[in-house]
Amino acid sequence: MSKEIGKIVKYFDKVSVAVVELSGNLNVGDKIHIKGTTTDFNQKVESMQVEHEKIEKAKKGQSIGLKVDERVRLNDRVFIE
């Protein structure tokens, strides 16, 4: 069962990076599902950043930069698989 761990608050089209406001913990290697009105895809977390520093683990309450495989939109929800 998937658990909601955050939502998209910004998206950088040119670099395919989403800013995710976390309501749960997330690690590199986790499988996530991003879902919204017109968004619906799964991917593995390959890289995350905080303030342009690569990180392996992110905690609840952090805002992170996440490389995404497809276009995402504001307020899309992020679930951990």
C-alpha atoms as a PDB file:
ATOM      1  CA  MET A   1       0.000   0.000   0.000  1.00  0.00           C
ATOM      2  CA  SER A   2       1.341   3.446  -0.800  1.00  0.00           C
ATOM      3  CA  LYS A   3       1.654   6.234   1.754  1.00  0.00           C
ATOM      4  CA  GLU A   4       1.574   9.944   0.914  1.00  0.00           C
ATOM      5  CA  ILE A   5       4.924  11.547   1.754  1.00  0.00           C
ATOM      6  CA  GLY A   6       4.741  14.934   0.076  1.00  0.00           C
ATOM      7  CA  LYS A   7       3.501  17.268  -2.611  1.00  0.00           C
ATOM      8  CA  ILE A   8       5.001  19.149  -5.541  1.00  0.00           C
ATOM      9  CA  VAL A   9       5.433  22.866  -4.837  1.00  0.00           C
ATOM     10  CA  LYS A  10       7.533  23.827  -7.881  1.00  0.00           C
ATOM     11  CA  TYR A  11       8.743  22.326 -11.159  1.00  0.00           C
ATOM     12  CA  PHE A  12      11.764  23.265 -13.253  1.00  0.00           C
ATOM     13  CA  ASP A  13      10.946  22.228 -16.806  1.00  0.00           C
ATOM     14  CA  LYS A  14      14.411  22.564 -18.379  1.00  0.00           C
ATOM     15  CA  VAL A  15      16.140  20.304 -15.854  1.00  0.00           C
ATOM     16  CA  SER A  16      13.154  18.044 -14.968  1.00  0.00           C
ATOM     17  CA  VAL A  17      13.475  18.768 -11.269  1.00  0.00           C
ATOM     18  CA  ALA A  18      10.530  19.005  -8.897  1.00  0.00           C
ATOM     19  CA  VAL A  19      10.589  20.680  -5.509  1.00  0.00           C
ATOM     20  CA  VAL A  20       8.814  18.400  -3.049  1.00  0.00           C
ATOM     21  CA  GLU A  21       7.600  19.512   0.373  1.00  0.00           C
ATOM     22  CA  LEU A  22       7.932  16.351   2.450  1.00  0.00           C
ATOM     23  CA  SER A  23       5.400  15.119   4.983  1.00  0.00           C
ATOM     24  CA  GLY A  24       7.346  11.867   5.397  1.00  0.00           C
ATOM     25  CA  ASN A  25      10.888  10.520   5.010  1.00  0.00           C
ATOM     26  CA  LEU A  26      12.421   9.674   1.629  1.00  0.00           C
ATOM     27  CA  ASN A  27      15.646   7.910   0.652  1.00  0.00           C
ATOM     28  CA  VAL A  28      17.565   7.510  -2.597  1.00  0.00           C
ATOM     29  CA  GLY A  29      16.534   4.124  -3.997  1.00  0.00           C
ATOM     30  CA  ASP A  30      12.908   4.364  -2.789  1.00  0.00           C
ATOM     31  CA  LYS A  31      10.150   3.704  -5.307  1.00  0.00           C
ATOM     32  CA  ILE A  32       7.636   6.556  -5.525  1.00  0.00           C
ATOM     33  CA  HIS A  33       4.345   7.220  -7.284  1.00  0.00           C
ATOM     34  CA  ILE A  34       3.479  10.770  -8.372  1.00  0.00           C
ATOM     35  CA  LYS A  35      -0.203  11.396  -8.939  1.00  0.00           C
ATOM     36  CA  GLY A  36      -2.279  14.430  -9.818  1.00  0.00           C
ATOM     37  CA  THR A  37      -5.146  15.459 -12.094  1.00  0.00           C
ATOM     38  CA  THR A  38      -3.166  14.682 -15.262  1.00  0.00           C
ATOM     39  CA  THR A  39      -0.022  13.148 -13.735  1.00  0.00           C
ATOM     40  CA  ASP A  40       0.297   9.448 -12.879  1.00  0.00           C
ATOM     41  CA  PHE A  41       3.621   7.604 -12.959  1.00  0.00           C
ATOM     42  CA  ASN A  42       6.041   5.551 -10.877  1.00  0.00           C
ATOM     43  CA  GLN A  43       9.778   6.008 -10.628  1.00  0.00           C
ATOM     44  CA  LYS A  44      12.781   5.152  -8.483  1.00  0.00           C
ATOM     45  CA  VAL A  45      14.429   8.024  -6.585  1.00  0.00           C
ATOM     46  CA  GLU A  46      17.811   8.399  -8.308  1.00  0.00           C
ATOM     47  CA  SER A  47      18.942  11.742  -6.868  1.00  0.00           C
ATOM     48  CA  MET A  48      17.810  14.358  -4.363  1.00  0.00           C
ATOM     49  CA  GLN A  49      19.233  17.712  -3.355  1.00  0.00           C
ATOM     50  CA  VAL A  50      18.835  20.274  -0.596  1.00  0.00           C
ATOM     51  CA  GLU A  51      20.365  23.703  -1.303  1.00  0.00           C
ATOM     52  CA  HIS A  52      22.269  22.218  -4.298  1.00  0.00           C
ATOM     53  CA  GLU A  53      23.909  19.570  -2.070  1.00  0.00           C
ATOM     54  CA  LYS A  54      23.309  15.932  -2.977  1.00  0.00           C
ATOM     55  CA  ILE A  55      21.681  13.976  -0.162  1.00  0.00           C
ATOM     56  CA  GLU A  56      20.858  10.288   0.389  1.00  0.00           C
ATOM     57  CA  LYS A  57      18.087  10.723   2.973  1.00  0.00           C
ATOM     58  CA  ALA A  58      15.467  13.444   3.408  1.00  0.00           C
ATOM     59  CA  LYS A  59      13.302  13.934   6.484  1.00  0.00           C
ATOM     60  CA  LYS A  60       9.724  15.020   7.052  1.00  0.00           C
ATOM     61  CA  GLY A  61       9.442  18.822   6.882  1.00  0.00           C
ATOM     62  CA  GLN A  62      12.252  19.328   4.357  1.00  0.00           C
ATOM     63  CA  SER A  63      11.819  20.741   0.859  1.00  0.00           C
ATOM     64  CA  ILE A  64      13.949  18.816  -1.606  1.00  0.00           C
ATOM     65  CA  GLY A  65      14.867  18.978  -5.268  1.00  0.00           C
ATOM     66  CA  LEU A  66      13.969  15.680  -6.931  1.00  0.00           C
ATOM     67  CA  LYS A  67      14.919  14.602 -10.458  1.00  0.00           C
ATOM     68  CA  VAL A  68      11.706  13.356 -12.108  1.00  0.00           C
ATOM     69  CA  ASP A  69      11.183  11.116 -15.154  1.00  0.00           C
ATOM     70  CA  GLU A  70       8.094  12.943 -16.417  1.00  0.00           C
ATOM     71  CA  ARG A  71       6.519  16.384 -16.213  1.00  0.00           C
ATOM     72  CA  VAL A  72       4.815  17.118 -12.875  1.00  0.00           C
ATOM     73  CA  ARG A  73       2.457  19.864 -11.834  1.00  0.00           C
ATOM     74  CA  LEU A  74       1.845  22.011  -8.766  1.00  0.00           C
ATOM     75  CA  ASN A  75       0.122  20.131  -5.926  1.00  0.00           C
ATOM     76  CA  ASP A  76       0.677  16.687  -7.455  1.00  0.00           C
ATOM     77  CA  ARG A  77       0.934  14.212  -4.583  1.00  0.00           C
ATOM     78  CA  VAL A  78       3.976  12.028  -3.949  1.00  0.00           C
ATOM     79  CA  PHE A  79       3.475   8.536  -2.513  1.00  0.00           C
ATOM     80  CA  ILE A  80       6.052   5.989  -1.388  1.00  0.00           C
ATOM     81  CA  GLU A  81       5.405   2.462  -2.700  1.00  0.00           C
END
